[in-house]
Amino acid sequence: MPTLKDFAFYPIDWNLTPEHAVTMYLEWGNNDWHAEYPPVRSKEDVSRYFVVDSWQDPPVIRLVRRNSESAEDLVTVPLPPELLADWREANGGLRGVSAPTPAIKAWLKRELGQE
């Protein structure tokens, strides 16, 4: 079973949110070529980004690899208990998939050795 450290050398798009990913990969023509995330051109365009999945309790963190054909979870790890209050303050009790908070991103970067 993979761990976060297995992905330490993968390029991670730390600013890509689930909403931006949908715009880029699923809603063709819905974004500007001059935006931070221009439209994808082919299935060779790939992004890797983290999301917090709160469809279950407690939430989990997933590293997603997405291209125009599919999205694949590369690794899933529990949300550390010490970060749960931070996540809940930002997202309340909403269920779904959301971007990591700054505190969660900082923890992930430390875990990956990318500080």
PDB file of N, CA and C in Angstrom:
ATOM      1  N   MET A   1       0.850  -1.183   0.000  1.00  0.00           N
ATOM      2  CA  MET A   1       0.000   0.000   0.000  1.00  0.00           C
ATOM      3  C   MET A   1       0.898   1.250   0.000  1.00  0.00           C
ATOM      4  N   PRO A   2       0.660   2.166  -0.929  1.00  0.00           N
ATOM      5  CA  PRO A   2       1.528   3.358  -1.002  1.00  0.00           C
ATOM      6  C   PRO A   2       1.317   4.304   0.181  1.00  0.00           C
ATOM      7  N   THR A   3       2.373   5.053   0.469  1.00  0.00           N
ATOM      8  CA  THR A   3       2.323   6.079   1.507  1.00  0.00           C
ATOM      9  C   THR A   3       2.616   7.431   0.875  1.00  0.00           C
ATOM     10  N   LEU A   4       2.410   8.505   1.605  1.00  0.00           N
ATOM     11  CA  LEU A   4       2.708   9.843   1.082  1.00  0.00           C
ATOM     12  C   LEU A   4       4.151   9.951   0.610  1.00  0.00           C
ATOM     13  N   LYS A   5       5.062   9.391   1.379  1.00  0.00           N
ATOM     14  CA  LYS A   5       6.490   9.502   1.040  1.00  0.00           C
ATOM     15  C   LYS A   5       6.813   8.896  -0.332  1.00  0.00           C
ATOM     16  N   ASP A   6       6.001   7.948  -0.785  1.00  0.00           N
ATOM     17  CA  ASP A   6       6.205   7.355  -2.108  1.00  0.00           C
ATOM     18  C   ASP A   6       6.016   8.376  -3.229  1.00  0.00           C
ATOM     19  N   PHE A   7       5.382   9.502  -2.932  1.00  0.00           N
ATOM     20  CA  PHE A   7       5.082  10.514  -3.944  1.00  0.00           C
ATOM     21  C   PHE A   7       5.869  11.803  -3.723  1.00  0.00           C
ATOM     22  N   ALA A   8       6.932  11.723  -2.951  1.00  0.00           N
ATOM     23  CA  ALA A   8       7.716  12.908  -2.591  1.00  0.00           C
ATOM     24  C   ALA A   8       8.314  13.616  -3.803  1.00  0.00           C
ATOM     25  N   PHE A   9       8.609  12.894  -4.862  1.00  0.00           N
ATOM     26  CA  PHE A   9       9.264  13.510  -6.018  1.00  0.00           C
ATOM     27  C   PHE A   9       8.296  13.787  -7.163  1.00  0.00           C
ATOM     28  N   TYR A  10       7.021  13.546  -6.948  1.00  0.00           N
ATOM     29  CA  TYR A  10       6.020  13.846  -7.975  1.00  0.00           C
ATOM     30  C   TYR A  10       5.744  15.341  -7.985  1.00  0.00           C
ATOM     31  N   PRO A  11       5.558  15.922  -9.154  1.00  0.00           N
ATOM     32  CA  PRO A  11       5.156  17.334  -9.174  1.00  0.00           C
ATOM     33  C   PRO A  11       3.706  17.460  -8.693  1.00  0.00           C
ATOM     34  N   ILE A  12       3.498  18.270  -7.690  1.00  0.00           N
ATOM     35  CA  ILE A  12       2.173  18.490  -7.114  1.00  0.00           C
ATOM     36  C   ILE A  12       1.751  19.912  -7.439  1.00  0.00           C
ATOM     37  N   ASP A  13       0.523  20.077  -7.906  1.00  0.00           N
ATOM     38  CA  ASP A  13      -0.007  21.417  -8.146  1.00  0.00           C
ATOM     39  C   ASP A  13      -0.709  21.849  -6.858  1.00  0.00           C
ATOM     40  N   TRP A  14      -0.006  22.601  -6.031  1.00  0.00           N
ATOM     41  CA  TRP A  14      -0.500  22.964  -4.705  1.00  0.00           C
ATOM     42  C   TRP A  14      -1.655  23.946  -4.749  1.00  0.00           C
ATOM     43  N   ASN A  15      -1.837  24.653  -5.855  1.00  0.00           N
ATOM     44  CA  ASN A  15      -2.921  25.637  -5.937  1.00  0.00           C
ATOM     45  C   ASN A  15      -4.159  25.118  -6.663  1.00  0.00           C
ATOM     46  N   LEU A  16      -4.082  23.938  -7.253  1.00  0.00           N
ATOM     47  CA  LEU A  16      -5.218  23.406  -7.991  1.00  0.00           C
ATOM     48  C   LEU A  16      -6.281  22.905  -7.008  1.00  0.00           C
ATOM     49  N   THR A  17      -7.488  23.414  -7.153  1.00  0.00           N
ATOM     50  CA  THR A  17      -8.610  23.005  -6.322  1.00  0.00           C
ATOM     51  C   THR A  17      -9.493  22.051  -7.114  1.00  0.00           C
ATOM     52  N   PRO A  18     -10.364  21.315  -6.448  1.00  0.00           N
ATOM     53  CA  PRO A  18     -11.284  20.448  -7.194  1.00  0.00           C
ATOM     54  C   PRO A  18     -12.115  21.231  -8.217  1.00  0.00           C
ATOM     55  N   GLU A  19     -12.506  22.450  -7.866  1.00  0.00           N
ATOM     56  CA  GLU A  19     -13.296  23.272  -8.785  1.00  0.00           C
ATOM     57  C   GLU A  19     -12.503  23.623 -10.043  1.00  0.00           C
ATOM     58  N   HIS A  20     -11.233  24.012  -9.860  1.00  0.00           N
ATOM     59  CA  HIS A  20     -10.394  24.314 -11.026  1.00  0.00           C
ATOM     60  C   HIS A  20     -10.168  23.073 -11.883  1.00  0.00           C
ATOM     61  N   ALA A  21     -10.004  21.928 -11.238  1.00  0.00           N
ATOM     62  CA  ALA A  21      -9.786  20.685 -11.984  1.00  0.00           C
ATOM     63  C   ALA A  21     -10.985  20.362 -12.862  1.00  0.00           C
ATOM     64  N   VAL A  22     -12.185  20.556 -12.336  1.00  0.00           N
ATOM     65  CA  VAL A  22     -13.387  20.313 -13.149  1.00  0.00           C
ATOM     66  C   VAL A  22     -13.412  21.266 -14.333  1.00  0.00           C
ATOM     67  N   THR A  23     -13.110  22.531 -14.086  1.00  0.00           N
ATOM     68  CA  THR A  23     -13.089  23.506 -15.180  1.00  0.00           C
ATOM     69  C   THR A  23     -12.077  23.113 -16.248  1.00  0.00           C
ATOM     70  N   MET A  24     -10.899  22.690 -15.821  1.00  0.00           N
ATOM     71  CA  MET A  24      -9.844  22.338 -16.780  1.00  0.00           C
ATOM     72  C   MET A  24     -10.147  21.073 -17.570  1.00  0.00           C
ATOM     73  N   TYR A  25     -10.588  20.040 -16.881  1.00  0.00           N
ATOM     74  CA  TYR A  25     -10.656  18.713 -17.500  1.00  0.00           C
ATOM     75  C   TYR A  25     -12.042  18.267 -17.928  1.00  0.00           C
ATOM     76  N   LEU A  26     -13.078  18.835 -17.347  1.00  0.00           N
ATOM     77  CA  LEU A  26     -14.413  18.343 -17.664  1.00  0.00           C
ATOM     78  C   LEU A  26     -15.284  19.357 -18.387  1.00  0.00           C
ATOM     79  N   GLU A  27     -14.999  20.624 -18.237  1.00  0.00           N
ATOM     80  CA  GLU A  27     -15.845  21.642 -18.842  1.00  0.00           C
ATOM     81  C   GLU A  27     -15.069  22.343 -19.954  1.00  0.00           C
ATOM     82  N   TRP A  28     -14.867  21.620 -21.026  1.00  0.00           N
ATOM     83  CA  TRP A  28     -14.083  22.112 -22.157  1.00  0.00           C
ATOM     84  C   TRP A  28     -14.586  23.475 -22.612  1.00  0.00           C
ATOM     85  N   GLY A  29     -13.656  24.401 -22.805  1.00  0.00           N
ATOM     86  CA  GLY A  29     -14.005  25.722 -23.298  1.00  0.00           C
ATOM     87  C   GLY A  29     -14.536  26.662 -22.235  1.00  0.00           C
ATOM     88  N   ASN A  30     -14.564  26.232 -21.001  1.00  0.00           N
ATOM     89  CA  ASN A  30     -15.114  27.044 -19.932  1.00  0.00           C
ATOM     90  C   ASN A  30     -14.048  27.880 -19.234  1.00  0.00           C
ATOM     91  N   ASN A  31     -12.811  27.828 -19.704  1.00  0.00           N
ATOM     92  CA  ASN A  31     -11.764  28.613 -19.056  1.00  0.00           C
ATOM     93  C   ASN A  31     -10.927  29.342 -20.102  1.00  0.00           C
ATOM     94  N   ASP A  32     -10.274  30.368 -19.645  1.00  0.00           N
ATOM     95  CA  ASP A  32      -9.542  31.292 -20.490  1.00  0.00           C
ATOM     96  C   ASP A  32      -8.105  30.813 -20.707  1.00  0.00           C
ATOM     97  N   TRP A  33      -7.595  30.956 -21.912  1.00  0.00           N
ATOM     98  CA  TRP A  33      -6.217  30.561 -22.221  1.00  0.00           C
ATOM     99  C   TRP A  33      -5.202  31.362 -21.408  1.00  0.00           C
ATOM    100  N   HIS A  34      -5.601  32.514 -20.909  1.00  0.00           N
ATOM    101  CA  HIS A  34      -4.684  33.364 -20.145  1.00  0.00           C
ATOM    102  C   HIS A  34      -4.849  33.189 -18.632  1.00  0.00           C
ATOM    103  N   ALA A  35      -5.711  32.286 -18.227  1.00  0.00           N
ATOM    104  CA  ALA A  35      -5.947  32.039 -16.804  1.00  0.00           C
ATOM    105  C   ALA A  35      -4.775  31.257 -16.202  1.00  0.00           C
ATOM    106  N   GLU A  36      -4.767  31.157 -14.871  1.00  0.00           N
ATOM    107  CA  GLU A  36      -3.722  30.379 -14.198  1.00  0.00           C
ATOM    108  C   GLU A  36      -3.718  28.937 -14.684  1.00  0.00           C
ATOM    109  N   TYR A  37      -4.904  28.413 -14.969  1.00  0.00           N
ATOM    110  CA  TYR A  37      -5.039  27.045 -15.473  1.00  0.00           C
ATOM    111  C   TYR A  37      -5.692  27.086 -16.849  1.00  0.00           C
ATOM    112  N   PRO A  38      -4.893  27.148 -17.918  1.00  0.00           N
ATOM    113  CA  PRO A  38      -5.478  27.174 -19.260  1.00  0.00           C
ATOM    114  C   PRO A  38      -6.111  25.826 -19.604  1.00  0.00           C
ATOM    115  N   PRO A  39      -6.946  25.785 -20.641  1.00  0.00           N
ATOM    116  CA  PRO A  39      -7.578  24.524 -21.028  1.00  0.00           C
ATOM    117  C   PRO A  39      -6.538  23.460 -21.378  1.00  0.00           C
ATOM    118  N   VAL A  40      -6.879  22.210 -21.115  1.00  0.00           N
ATOM    119  CA  VAL A  40      -5.985  21.118 -21.483  1.00  0.00           C
ATOM    120  C   VAL A  40      -6.064  20.914 -22.997  1.00  0.00           C
ATOM    121  N   ARG A  41      -4.983  20.425 -23.573  1.00  0.00           N
ATOM    122  CA  ARG A  41      -4.930  20.225 -25.018  1.00  0.00           C
ATOM    123  C   ARG A  41      -5.050  18.762 -25.411  1.00  0.00           C
ATOM    124  N   SER A  42      -4.641  17.869 -24.493  1.00  0.00           N
ATOM    125  CA  SER A  42      -4.669  16.442 -24.828  1.00  0.00           C
ATOM    126  C   SER A  42      -4.665  15.616 -23.552  1.00  0.00           C
ATOM    127  N   LYS A  43      -4.783  14.308 -23.724  1.00  0.00           N
ATOM    128  CA  LYS A  43      -4.751  13.424 -22.558  1.00  0.00           C
ATOM    129  C   LYS A  43      -3.362  13.364 -21.936  1.00  0.00           C
ATOM    130  N   GLU A  44      -2.370  13.939 -22.604  1.00  0.00           N
ATOM    131  CA  GLU A  44      -1.010  14.008 -22.056  1.00  0.00           C
ATOM    132  C   GLU A  44      -0.889  15.090 -20.983  1.00  0.00           C
ATOM    133  N   ASP A  45      -1.828  16.033 -20.953  1.00  0.00           N
ATOM    134  CA  ASP A  45      -1.838  17.059 -19.906  1.00  0.00           C
ATOM    135  C   ASP A  45      -2.329  16.403 -18.617  1.00  0.00           C
ATOM    136  N   VAL A  46      -1.482  16.416 -17.592  1.00  0.00           N
ATOM    137  CA  VAL A  46      -1.772  15.719 -16.340  1.00  0.00           C
ATOM    138  C   VAL A  46      -1.556  16.673 -15.172  1.00  0.00           C
ATOM    139  N   SER A  47      -2.438  16.577 -14.175  1.00  0.00           N
ATOM    140  CA  SER A  47      -2.276  17.329 -12.933  1.00  0.00           C
ATOM    141  C   SER A  47      -2.318  16.361 -11.761  1.00  0.00           C
ATOM    142  N   ARG A  48      -1.570  16.695 -10.727  1.00  0.00           N
ATOM    143  CA  ARG A  48      -1.609  15.958  -9.459  1.00  0.00           C
ATOM    144  C   ARG A  48      -1.866  16.983  -8.365  1.00  0.00           C
ATOM    145  N   TYR A  49      -2.903  16.720  -7.572  1.00  0.00           N
ATOM    146  CA  TYR A  49      -3.297  17.678  -6.543  1.00  0.00           C
ATOM    147  C   TYR A  49      -3.975  16.938  -5.402  1.00  0.00           C
ATOM    148  N   PHE A  50      -4.019  17.593  -4.245  1.00  0.00           N
ATOM    149  CA  PHE A  50      -4.633  17.001  -3.066  1.00  0.00           C
ATOM    150  C   PHE A  50      -6.046  17.525  -2.876  1.00  0.00           C
ATOM    151  N   VAL A  51      -6.908  16.647  -2.352  1.00  0.00           N
ATOM    152  CA  VAL A  51      -8.253  17.020  -1.945  1.00  0.00           C
ATOM    153  C   VAL A  51      -8.525  16.426  -0.566  1.00  0.00           C
ATOM    154  N   VAL A  52      -9.485  17.017   0.127  1.00  0.00           N
ATOM    155  CA  VAL A  52      -9.982  16.443   1.366  1.00  0.00           C
ATOM    156  C   VAL A  52     -11.373  15.893   1.048  1.00  0.00           C
ATOM    157  N   ASP A  53     -11.540  14.609   1.280  1.00  0.00           N
ATOM    158  CA  ASP A  53     -12.794  13.915   0.993  1.00  0.00           C
ATOM    159  C   ASP A  53     -13.536  13.713   2.306  1.00  0.00           C
ATOM    160  N   SER A  54     -14.661  14.399   2.440  1.00  0.00           N
ATOM    161  CA  SER A  54     -15.427  14.315   3.687  1.00  0.00           C
ATOM    162  C   SER A  54     -16.741  13.559   3.506  1.00  0.00           C
ATOM    163  N   TRP A  55     -16.811  12.703   2.514  1.00  0.00           N
ATOM    164  CA  TRP A  55     -18.002  11.865   2.376  1.00  0.00           C
ATOM    165  C   TRP A  55     -18.078  10.855   3.508  1.00  0.00           C
ATOM    166  N   GLN A  56     -16.966  10.589   4.156  1.00  0.00           N
ATOM    167  CA  GLN A  56     -16.966   9.715   5.336  1.00  0.00           C
ATOM    168  C   GLN A  56     -16.472  10.533   6.525  1.00  0.00           C
ATOM    169  N   ASP A  57     -16.679  10.000   7.705  1.00  0.00           N
ATOM    170  CA  ASP A  57     -16.231  10.688   8.908  1.00  0.00           C
ATOM    171  C   ASP A  57     -15.341   9.731   9.689  1.00  0.00           C
ATOM    172  N   PRO A  58     -14.114  10.085   9.966  1.00  0.00           N
ATOM    173  CA  PRO A  58     -13.480  11.372   9.688  1.00  0.00           C
ATOM    174  C   PRO A  58     -13.046  11.479   8.222  1.00  0.00           C
ATOM    175  N   PRO A  59     -12.826  12.714   7.755  1.00  0.00           N
ATOM    176  CA  PRO A  59     -12.391  12.925   6.375  1.00  0.00           C
ATOM    177  C   PRO A  59     -11.025  12.290   6.104  1.00  0.00           C
ATOM    178  N   VAL A  60     -10.751  12.074   4.825  1.00  0.00           N
ATOM    179  CA  VAL A  60      -9.446  11.571   4.388  1.00  0.00           C
ATOM    180  C   VAL A  60      -8.857  12.540   3.369  1.00  0.00           C
ATOM    181  N   ILE A  61      -7.551  12.435   3.183  1.00  0.00           N
ATOM    182  CA  ILE A  61      -6.846  13.239   2.188  1.00  0.00           C
ATOM    183  C   ILE A  61      -6.483  12.313   1.030  1.00  0.00           C
ATOM    184  N   ARG A  62      -6.749  12.770  -0.185  1.00  0.00           N
ATOM    185  CA  ARG A  62      -6.423  11.975  -1.374  1.00  0.00           C
ATOM    186  C   ARG A  62      -5.496  12.768  -2.295  1.00  0.00           C
ATOM    187  N   LEU A  63      -4.507  12.084  -2.846  1.00  0.00           N
ATOM    188  CA  LEU A  63      -3.689  12.652  -3.916  1.00  0.00           C
ATOM    189  C   LEU A  63      -4.290  12.143  -5.213  1.00  0.00           C
ATOM    190  N   VAL A  64      -4.743  13.076  -6.050  1.00  0.00           N
ATOM    191  CA  VAL A  64      -5.439  12.745  -7.286  1.00  0.00           C
ATOM    192  C   VAL A  64      -4.534  13.018  -8.481  1.00  0.00           C
ATOM    193  N   ARG A  65      -4.537  12.081  -9.427  1.00  0.00           N
ATOM    194  CA  ARG A  65      -3.899  12.294 -10.733  1.00  0.00           C
ATOM    195  C   ARG A  65      -5.025  12.383 -11.743  1.00  0.00           C
ATOM    196  N   ARG A  66      -5.103  13.502 -12.467  1.00  0.00           N
ATOM    197  CA  ARG A  66      -6.201  13.713 -13.407  1.00  0.00           C
ATOM    198  C   ARG A  66      -5.659  14.097 -14.776  1.00  0.00           C
ATOM    199  N   ASN A  67      -6.281  13.513 -15.796  1.00  0.00           N
ATOM    200  CA  ASN A  67      -6.097  13.985 -17.158  1.00  0.00           C
ATOM    201  C   ASN A  67      -7.489  14.074 -17.779  1.00  0.00           C
ATOM    202  N   SER A  68      -7.575  14.283 -19.080  1.00  0.00           N
ATOM    203  CA  SER A  68      -8.874  14.485 -19.714  1.00  0.00           C
ATOM    204  C   SER A  68      -9.698  13.211 -19.790  1.00  0.00           C
ATOM    205  N   GLU A  69      -9.093  12.068 -19.527  1.00  0.00           N
ATOM    206  CA  GLU A  69      -9.818  10.803 -19.617  1.00  0.00           C
ATOM    207  C   GLU A  69     -10.260  10.246 -18.271  1.00  0.00           C
ATOM    208  N   SER A  70      -9.514  10.543 -17.210  1.00  0.00           N
ATOM    209  CA  SER A  70      -9.865   9.926 -15.931  1.00  0.00           C
ATOM    210  C   SER A  70      -9.218  10.664 -14.764  1.00  0.00           C
ATOM    211  N   ALA A  71      -9.707  10.299 -13.578  1.00  0.00           N
ATOM    212  CA  ALA A  71      -9.104  10.751 -12.324  1.00  0.00           C
ATOM    213  C   ALA A  71      -8.800   9.503 -11.519  1.00  0.00           C
ATOM    214  N   GLU A  72      -7.589   9.456 -10.980  1.00  0.00           N
ATOM    215  CA  GLU A  72      -7.144   8.284 -10.227  1.00  0.00           C
ATOM    216  C   GLU A  72      -6.623   8.740  -8.874  1.00  0.00           C
ATOM    217  N   ASP A  73      -7.069   8.087  -7.807  1.00  0.00           N
ATOM    218  CA  ASP A  73      -6.527   8.358  -6.481  1.00  0.00           C
ATOM    219  C   ASP A  73      -5.216   7.600  -6.350  1.00  0.00           C
ATOM    220  N   LEU A  74      -4.119   8.340  -6.173  1.00  0.00           N
ATOM    221  CA  LEU A  74      -2.804   7.707  -6.050  1.00  0.00           C
ATOM    222  C   LEU A  74      -2.553   7.191  -4.646  1.00  0.00           C
ATOM    223  N   VAL A  75      -3.010   7.956  -3.654  1.00  0.00           N
ATOM    224  CA  VAL A  75      -2.845   7.548  -2.255  1.00  0.00           C
ATOM    225  C   VAL A  75      -3.951   8.213  -1.438  1.00  0.00           C
ATOM    226  N   THR A  76      -4.403   7.519  -0.422  1.00  0.00           N
ATOM    227  CA  THR A  76      -5.404   8.040   0.511  1.00  0.00           C
ATOM    228  C   THR A  76      -4.844   7.888   1.917  1.00  0.00           C
ATOM    229  N   VAL A  77      -4.871   8.988   2.665  1.00  0.00           N
ATOM    230  CA  VAL A  77      -4.378   8.965   4.052  1.00  0.00           C
ATOM    231  C   VAL A  77      -5.415   9.617   4.957  1.00  0.00           C
ATOM    232  N   PRO A  78      -5.462   9.190   6.213  1.00  0.00           N
ATOM    233  CA  PRO A  78      -6.394   9.823   7.149  1.00  0.00           C
ATOM    234  C   PRO A  78      -6.012  11.288   7.386  1.00  0.00           C
ATOM    235  N   LEU A  79      -7.006  12.108   7.587  1.00  0.00           N
ATOM    236  CA  LEU A  79      -6.755  13.483   8.007  1.00  0.00           C
ATOM    237  C   LEU A  79      -6.259  13.424   9.448  1.00  0.00           C
ATOM    238  N   PRO A  80      -5.064  13.950   9.731  1.00  0.00           N
ATOM    239  CA  PRO A  80      -4.560  13.892  11.108  1.00  0.00           C
ATOM    240  C   PRO A  80      -5.543  14.552  12.070  1.00  0.00           C
ATOM    241  N   PRO A  81      -5.791  13.916  13.205  1.00  0.00           N
ATOM    242  CA  PRO A  81      -6.754  14.469  14.173  1.00  0.00           C
ATOM    243  C   PRO A  81      -6.460  15.913  14.568  1.00  0.00           C
ATOM    244  N   GLU A  82      -5.180  16.279  14.636  1.00  0.00           N
ATOM    245  CA  GLU A  82      -4.835  17.651  15.032  1.00  0.00           C
ATOM    246  C   GLU A  82      -5.207  18.684  13.966  1.00  0.00           C
ATOM    247  N   LEU A  83      -5.542  18.237  12.749  1.00  0.00           N
ATOM    248  CA  LEU A  83      -5.944  19.155  11.678  1.00  0.00           C
ATOM    249  C   LEU A  83      -7.451  19.146  11.429  1.00  0.00           C
ATOM    250  N   LEU A  84      -8.159  18.279  12.107  1.00  0.00           N
ATOM    251  CA  LEU A  84      -9.600  18.156  11.895  1.00  0.00           C
ATOM    252  C   LEU A  84     -10.342  19.445  12.259  1.00  0.00           C
ATOM    253  N   ALA A  85      -9.998  20.063  13.386  1.00  0.00           N
ATOM    254  CA  ALA A  85     -10.666  21.303  13.800  1.00  0.00           C
ATOM    255  C   ALA A  85     -10.435  22.410  12.778  1.00  0.00           C
ATOM    256  N   ASP A  86      -9.208  22.507  12.240  1.00  0.00           N
ATOM    257  CA  ASP A  86      -8.896  23.503  11.211  1.00  0.00           C
ATOM    258  C   ASP A  86      -9.765  23.277   9.975  1.00  0.00           C
ATOM    259  N   TRP A  87      -9.866  22.028   9.550  1.00  0.00           N
ATOM    260  CA  TRP A  87     -10.665  21.716   8.363  1.00  0.00           C
ATOM    261  C   TRP A  87     -12.144  22.028   8.622  1.00  0.00           C
ATOM    262  N   ARG A  88     -12.643  21.640   9.795  1.00  0.00           N
ATOM    263  CA  ARG A  88     -14.059  21.882  10.109  1.00  0.00           C
ATOM    264  C   ARG A  88     -14.367  23.379  10.228  1.00  0.00           C
ATOM    265  N   GLU A  89     -13.410  24.153  10.729  1.00  0.00           N
ATOM    266  CA  GLU A  89     -13.624  25.605  10.816  1.00  0.00           C
ATOM    267  C   GLU A  89     -13.809  26.195   9.423  1.00  0.00           C
ATOM    268  N   ALA A  90     -13.057  25.697   8.459  1.00  0.00           N
ATOM    269  CA  ALA A  90     -13.139  26.210   7.089  1.00  0.00           C
ATOM    270  C   ALA A  90     -14.332  25.652   6.319  1.00  0.00           C
ATOM    271  N   ASN A  91     -14.762  24.418   6.628  1.00  0.00           N
ATOM    272  CA  ASN A  91     -15.774  23.755   5.817  1.00  0.00           C
ATOM    273  C   ASN A  91     -17.044  23.373   6.555  1.00  0.00           C
ATOM    274  N   GLY A  92     -17.065  23.560   7.853  1.00  0.00           N
ATOM    275  CA  GLY A  92     -18.252  23.193   8.615  1.00  0.00           C
ATOM    276  C   GLY A  92     -18.499  21.699   8.542  1.00  0.00           C
ATOM    277  N   GLY A  93     -19.751  21.319   8.503  1.00  0.00           N
ATOM    278  CA  GLY A  93     -20.109  19.904   8.438  1.00  0.00           C
ATOM    279  C   GLY A  93     -20.423  19.440   7.037  1.00  0.00           C
ATOM    280  N   LEU A  94     -20.021  20.219   6.035  1.00  0.00           N
ATOM    281  CA  LEU A  94     -20.333  19.865   4.651  1.00  0.00           C
ATOM    282  C   LEU A  94     -19.668  18.558   4.245  1.00  0.00           C
ATOM    283  N   ARG A  95     -20.392  17.770   3.504  1.00  0.00           N
ATOM    284  CA  ARG A  95     -19.837  16.532   2.942  1.00  0.00           C
ATOM    285  C   ARG A  95     -19.494  16.798   1.488  1.00  0.00           C
ATOM    286  N   GLY A  96     -18.397  16.214   1.041  1.00  0.00           N
ATOM    287  CA  GLY A  96     -17.988  16.391  -0.344  1.00  0.00           C
ATOM    288  C   GLY A  96     -16.486  16.327  -0.475  1.00  0.00           C
ATOM    289  N   VAL A  97     -16.000  16.948  -1.538  1.00  0.00           N
ATOM    290  CA  VAL A  97     -14.565  17.000  -1.815  1.00  0.00           C
ATOM    291  C   VAL A  97     -14.176  18.469  -1.866  1.00  0.00           C
ATOM    292  N   SER A  98     -13.161  18.828  -1.102  1.00  0.00           N
ATOM    293  CA  SER A  98     -12.746  20.228  -1.027  1.00  0.00           C
ATOM    294  C   SER A  98     -11.229  20.332  -1.072  1.00  0.00           C
ATOM    295  N   ALA A  99     -10.774  21.553  -1.279  1.00  0.00           N
ATOM    296  CA  ALA A  99      -9.336  21.824  -1.281  1.00  0.00           C
ATOM    297  C   ALA A  99      -8.798  21.758   0.142  1.00  0.00           C
ATOM    298  N   PRO A 100      -7.568  21.325   0.311  1.00  0.00           N
ATOM    299  CA  PRO A 100      -6.959  21.350   1.650  1.00  0.00           C
ATOM    300  C   PRO A 100      -6.812  22.792   2.142  1.00  0.00           C
ATOM    301  N   THR A 101      -6.929  22.983   3.433  1.00  0.00           N
ATOM    302  CA  THR A 101      -6.700  24.302   4.028  1.00  0.00           C
ATOM    303  C   THR A 101      -5.192  24.591   4.002  1.00  0.00           C
ATOM    304  N   PRO A 102      -4.788  25.827   4.220  1.00  0.00           N
ATOM    305  CA  PRO A 102      -3.353  26.124   4.292  1.00  0.00           C
ATOM    306  C   PRO A 102      -2.622  25.266   5.326  1.00  0.00           C
ATOM    307  N   ALA A 103      -3.247  25.014   6.473  1.00  0.00           N
ATOM    308  CA  ALA A 103      -2.589  24.183   7.499  1.00  0.00           C
ATOM    309  C   ALA A 103      -2.407  22.745   7.011  1.00  0.00           C
ATOM    310  N   ILE A 104      -3.378  22.216   6.302  1.00  0.00           N
ATOM    311  CA  ILE A 104      -3.264  20.858   5.759  1.00  0.00           C
ATOM    312  C   ILE A 104      -2.199  20.808   4.679  1.00  0.00           C
ATOM    313  N   LYS A 105      -2.158  21.822   3.824  1.00  0.00           N
ATOM    314  CA  LYS A 105      -1.099  21.878   2.795  1.00  0.00           C
ATOM    315  C   LYS A 105       0.282  21.916   3.436  1.00  0.00           C
ATOM    316  N   ALA A 106       0.422  22.707   4.496  1.00  0.00           N
ATOM    317  CA  ALA A 106       1.722  22.797   5.179  1.00  0.00           C
ATOM    318  C   ALA A 106       2.114  21.434   5.742  1.00  0.00           C
ATOM    319  N   TRP A 107       1.170  20.727   6.334  1.00  0.00           N
ATOM    320  CA  TRP A 107       1.441  19.380   6.870  1.00  0.00           C
ATOM    321  C   TRP A 107       1.850  18.437   5.741  1.00  0.00           C
ATOM    322  N   LEU A 108       1.121  18.474   4.618  1.00  0.00           N
ATOM    323  CA  LEU A 108       1.450  17.606   3.482  1.00  0.00           C
ATOM    324  C   LEU A 108       2.861  17.899   2.957  1.00  0.00           C
ATOM    325  N   LYS A 109       3.203  19.167   2.831  1.00  0.00           N
ATOM    326  CA  LYS A 109       4.528  19.544   2.344  1.00  0.00           C
ATOM    327  C   LYS A 109       5.612  19.039   3.292  1.00  0.00           C
ATOM    328  N   ARG A 110       5.373  19.123   4.600  1.00  0.00           N
ATOM    329  CA  ARG A 110       6.344  18.585   5.562  1.00  0.00           C
ATOM    330  C   ARG A 110       6.474  17.071   5.395  1.00  0.00           C
ATOM    331  N   GLU A 111       5.360  16.390   5.260  1.00  0.00           N
ATOM    332  CA  GLU A 111       5.365  14.935   5.095  1.00  0.00           C
ATOM    333  C   GLU A 111       6.104  14.499   3.830  1.00  0.00           C
ATOM    334  N   LEU A 112       5.994  15.321   2.788  1.00  0.00           N
ATOM    335  CA  LEU A 112       6.643  15.015   1.512  1.00  0.00           C
ATOM    336  C   LEU A 112       8.065  15.569   1.422  1.00  0.00           C
ATOM    337  N   GLY A 113       8.480  16.326   2.433  1.00  0.00           N
ATOM    338  CA  GLY A 113       9.794  16.940   2.400  1.00  0.00           C
ATOM    339  C   GLY A 113       9.890  18.044   1.380  1.00  0.00           C
ATOM    340  N   GLN A 114       8.788  18.734   1.120  1.00  0.00           N
ATOM    341  CA  GLN A 114       8.744  19.808   0.114  1.00  0.00           C
ATOM    342  C   GLN A 114       8.565  21.187   0.733  1.00  0.00           C
ATOM    343  N   GLU A 115       8.959  21.343   1.982  1.00  0.00           N
ATOM    344  CA  GLU A 115       8.824  22.646   2.648  1.00  0.00           C
ATOM    345  C   GLU A 115       9.729  23.661   2.007  1.00  0.00           C
TER     346      GLU A 115
END
